[in-house]
Amino acid sequence: MFRAAFFWFLASSVLTVAHSDCFTPAHQLTGIGVARSEITPELLNERVKLMMDSQTFSILRDPRAVMGAQRVENPKLAKAFAAAERQSGLPASLIKAIAYLESFGDPTAQSPTGPKGIMQVSGATAKAMGLRMIYATKHRTTSEKKAVKNKRGKTVIKTVKQKTTYQILVRDERLVPERAIPAAASYLARLQQNLGGLDWAIFAYHCGPGCVANMETLTESAQGMRKPITVAQMFFGASPAYNRDLYEAIQREMERDYSPTYYFRVKRAEQLLTLYREDQPTFLELASYYRYEPDPSQRAQHRLAVWLKQNDMLFQSCDDIKRDEGKRLARIFDDPAFYGFRLNTDTIGAFDVANREYYLQATPAAIGTLTYIAFETRRLFDAMKPKGEQFEPLEVTSLVRPMDSMGSAAGAAGTGPTEALAHCSGQVFDLQYDHLPAGEREALQFVLDDMGWEGYLGFVEEAPNSGSMHIGCSPSSRAFFTEVYLEALGAKKAVIDMRN
């Protein structure tokens, strides 16, 4: 139930990489990185499905997710959503999804940035929706002791009264679901009419009409876009090497508020609420899977904190790793020119130099993930052709580690997988990227993001400004990346045989 569908193609039925200077897997993920320029309408539809599925984490990791579904589907709100559907012509399921995503159905929700209510409406947008915010004028009199001169010029202390006029909000229809829900739906319908598509209207609900009008213009002028243009075409139609103006605009909006992904989140929220209505036990099971295991009252900060469970923390000591050598763990490749990554042996195993060789291992899935990231980063970098730069192998700084090497972190073993503890699973590795050329850093980040949006990867900064990334693949993609590992292992043997 928790598995996403993964789409890949076989580049060649014959392993030809033995005649190449670097590893090129025959099994490749479709439309990732530089291959975005080759996305067909059929592949675009599949990428949209994967993108929507990956948003499950963003929604269900929140501890309010179950209560939010209960609120939105409460019969008390049914009339408001039905009225919204009648007035706007939009399906109630979509309007519910926005309410779920915006506030988890809380009519009193207030954002620190200003939006309020179940539909999270700003003051300016409320006026455009026709929602009233009624203020009353009040007066306040204050007294203050001041030193003043009297008629004789002598300084005396005198009490001075001052009257101040101010306003208070006495009625805010953003906080009245029966008013806010239909008004927001009608506003969304107007956006649809003005922007030419419901997907663009949903995008604009989060980003604003001006932002979306600019993104539409850039998408229309981008290379390879079929009309009518869609939000999906916008999001997947650009990369650092392809339609760069559009790519840079998307990056700016992502850094601001992640609004380019909002449409996909809303559509996934719509699916999840449908699941809640039709099969509540399955919805609750799914929500339980995405709950942050160490502290269910908090939301998981990243996907790895959800994917790696307590029983994944296999290696308590170096002896555990020694016993597992050649079983669940495999030796990491050490050929930077061929595989596109190098091992920093100053950091790997630095906590136990006598046994360093045992820490040059990870699960085959983790090694395959690393190998595939290096492949995609290198070919995107080559397509970008950054001036004056050469590709540098990615630097691996940590692989498997035993629990007892974590120091104070080991005491947190009972609280779940932190970034450090996750290494006890053998499923993760660390990359140091801050020394890479600027173009290569951009290529690496894009590849990580692209694979992450499709549900293949989880990654997080080791620490703020550390220049180090902690990376692991999803449980559902481990089989694929294990195949990449086996292919890479066979490719290297073929190269050695050919050279001999």
Foldseek 3Di string as FASTA:
>chain_A
DLFDDFDWAQQDPDPPCLPPQADDGRTGGALFFPNLQVDDPVNLVSLLSLLLSLCLLVQLLALLNVVLLCLLPPPVCVVLLVLLCVLQVDHSLLLSLQLCVPPSNQLADADPVAFGGSNRDHPVVCVVLVWDFDKDKDKDKDWDWDWDADPVRDTDIDIDIDMDIDIDGPDTCSSVSSRNSSSVSNQLSVLCVVVVHSLLSQLCSPVNSVLSVVLCVLLVPFPPADPPGGLSCLVSVDALLGSNVSVVSQVVVCVVPNSSSRSSSSVSSSVLSVCCVPPVVVSVVSSVLSQQQLDSNHGDPWDVSRQDWLVLLQFAALVSLVVCEPPQKDAADADCSHQQAHEDLCQQCVLPVVSSRSFRIFGLLQNLVLSNLSVSLVVSLVSSCPPPFDRHRWYWRGFADHLVSPVPVSVCSVSGDDLVSSSSSSFKTKTQAPPHPPSSSSSSVSSQVSCSSSQFKMKDAPDPPPSMMMIGTGPNCSVVSSVSSVSVVVSVVSSVVVVD
